[in-house]
Amino acid sequence: MKPYLLLLLVLPSIGWSAPPEKILPKTLVLKPVAWYSQQAKAWHEETNRDNRNAQNWFNYYAASYFSMDTQVHLDQVVQSMSRAVPNSYEWWLVKGWNSGYQLDALPFLEKAMP
């Protein structure tokens, strides 16, 4: 019985991380900020595994944004994304999104459109 009890105490400290889930717009699904924080970590791990997957980067940025991460960190994600998946639809979309609701963002969003 003691080995099972010890196993139950040790396993949570090993750190099970939540599997990454596609980040949907908040107009479709609302999740707690803590969930988005966990997802940002999971998607960051995915970008480390597959640096050239634009969808991984998009989900990483969206999770970071919805987790209310700092603008400095969001800017760093966009910068890293520009090196990993330049000129992809997802990069142009995120670049426009990160610029905010300003006219300066419009050229980036236009480039994202097919």
Protein backbone atom coordinates (compact mmCIF):
# COMPACT_ATOMS: atom_id res chain seq x y z
CA MET A 1 0.00 0.00 0.00
CA LYS A 2 2.84 2.41 0.80
CA PRO A 3 4.33 2.29 -2.73
CA TYR A 4 0.96 3.29 -4.21
CA LEU A 5 0.59 6.17 -1.77
CA LEU A 6 4.10 7.33 -2.57
CA LEU A 7 3.34 7.12 -6.29
CA LEU A 8 0.22 9.24 -5.84
CA LEU A 9 2.24 11.87 -4.00
CA VAL A 10 5.15 11.94 -6.45
CA LEU A 11 3.35 11.88 -9.81
CA PRO A 12 1.67 15.29 -9.54
CA SER A 13 5.01 16.91 -8.75
CA ILE A 14 6.54 15.48 -11.94
CA GLY A 15 4.39 17.94 -13.82
CA TRP A 16 1.74 16.69 -16.12
CA SER A 17 1.13 19.41 -18.62
CA ALA A 18 -2.12 19.85 -20.43
CA PRO A 19 -2.06 18.70 -24.04
CA PRO A 20 -2.31 21.59 -26.48
CA GLU A 21 -5.79 22.28 -27.83
CA LYS A 22 -6.66 24.47 -30.78
CA ILE A 23 -7.36 27.99 -29.52
CA LEU A 24 -10.74 29.09 -30.79
CA PRO A 25 -11.94 32.70 -30.93
CA LYS A 26 -13.54 33.95 -27.74
CA THR A 27 -16.68 34.63 -29.75
CA LEU A 28 -17.07 30.84 -29.99
CA VAL A 29 -15.62 29.52 -26.72
CA LEU A 30 -14.79 31.20 -23.42
CA LYS A 31 -12.27 29.57 -21.10
CA PRO A 32 -10.69 30.76 -17.84
CA VAL A 33 -7.49 32.80 -18.06
CA ALA A 34 -5.62 30.01 -16.23
CA TRP A 35 -6.59 27.57 -19.00
CA TYR A 36 -5.13 29.91 -21.62
CA SER A 37 -1.94 30.19 -19.55
CA GLN A 38 -1.59 26.40 -19.49
CA GLN A 39 -2.28 26.27 -23.21
CA ALA A 40 0.33 28.95 -23.91
CA LYS A 41 2.94 26.76 -22.17
CA ALA A 42 1.79 23.68 -24.09
CA TRP A 43 1.86 25.51 -27.44
CA HIS A 44 5.27 26.96 -26.63
CA GLU A 45 6.54 23.40 -26.22
CA GLU A 46 4.98 22.55 -29.59
CA THR A 47 6.77 25.46 -31.28
CA ASN A 48 10.01 24.17 -29.79
CA ARG A 49 9.33 20.70 -31.22
CA ASP A 50 8.18 21.90 -34.65
CA ASN A 51 9.45 25.41 -35.25
CA ARG A 52 8.17 25.60 -38.85
CA ASN A 53 4.49 24.87 -38.13
CA ALA A 54 2.60 28.15 -38.50
CA GLN A 55 -0.53 26.76 -36.79
CA ASN A 56 1.52 25.98 -33.68
CA TRP A 57 2.74 29.57 -33.62
CA PHE A 58 -0.75 30.96 -34.15
CA ASN A 59 -2.15 28.90 -31.26
CA TYR A 60 0.81 29.91 -29.07
CA TYR A 61 0.17 33.61 -29.76
CA ALA A 62 -3.62 33.30 -29.29
CA ALA A 63 -3.24 31.43 -25.99
CA SER A 64 -0.69 34.00 -24.79
CA TYR A 65 -2.95 36.87 -25.82
CA PHE A 66 -6.06 35.41 -24.16
CA SER A 67 -4.06 34.61 -21.01
CA MET A 68 -3.50 38.37 -20.73
CA ASP A 69 0.26 38.02 -21.16
CA THR A 70 2.39 41.16 -21.30
CA GLN A 71 2.75 43.12 -24.52
CA VAL A 72 6.50 42.63 -24.29
CA HIS A 73 6.05 38.85 -24.38
CA LEU A 74 3.51 39.04 -27.21
CA ASP A 75 5.98 41.16 -29.20
CA GLN A 76 8.67 38.52 -28.56
CA VAL A 77 6.35 35.78 -29.86
CA VAL A 78 5.69 37.81 -33.02
CA GLN A 79 9.44 38.38 -33.47
CA SER A 80 10.21 34.67 -33.05
CA MET A 81 7.36 33.82 -35.37
CA SER A 82 8.77 36.15 -38.04
CA ARG A 83 11.99 34.13 -38.06
CA ALA A 84 10.28 30.71 -37.98
CA VAL A 85 7.33 31.15 -40.38
CA PRO A 86 7.86 34.40 -42.31
CA ASN A 87 5.25 35.42 -44.87
CA SER A 88 2.79 32.75 -43.75
CA TYR A 89 -0.91 33.55 -43.45
CA GLU A 90 -0.70 32.99 -39.70
CA TRP A 91 2.26 35.34 -39.31
CA TRP A 92 0.59 38.19 -41.19
CA LEU A 93 -2.60 37.66 -39.20
CA VAL A 94 -0.76 37.66 -35.86
CA LYS A 95 1.32 40.68 -36.88
CA GLY A 96 -1.87 42.61 -37.62
CA TRP A 97 -3.56 41.35 -34.46
CA ASN A 98 -0.56 42.33 -32.37
CA SER A 99 -0.60 45.85 -33.85
CA GLY A 100 -4.05 46.38 -32.40
CA TYR A 101 -7.16 47.92 -33.84
CA GLN A 102 -5.34 50.65 -35.73
CA LEU A 103 -4.96 51.62 -39.34
CA ASP A 104 -1.29 50.60 -39.09
CA ALA A 105 -2.43 46.96 -38.80
CA LEU A 106 -4.47 47.02 -42.02
CA PRO A 107 -1.58 46.29 -44.44
CA PHE A 108 -0.61 43.18 -42.44
CA LEU A 109 -4.18 41.89 -42.43
CA GLU A 110 -4.51 42.56 -46.17
CA LYS A 111 -1.39 40.48 -46.80
CA ALA A 112 -2.93 37.65 -44.78
CA MET A 113 -5.93 37.55 -47.09
CA PRO A 114 -5.59 35.24 -50.11
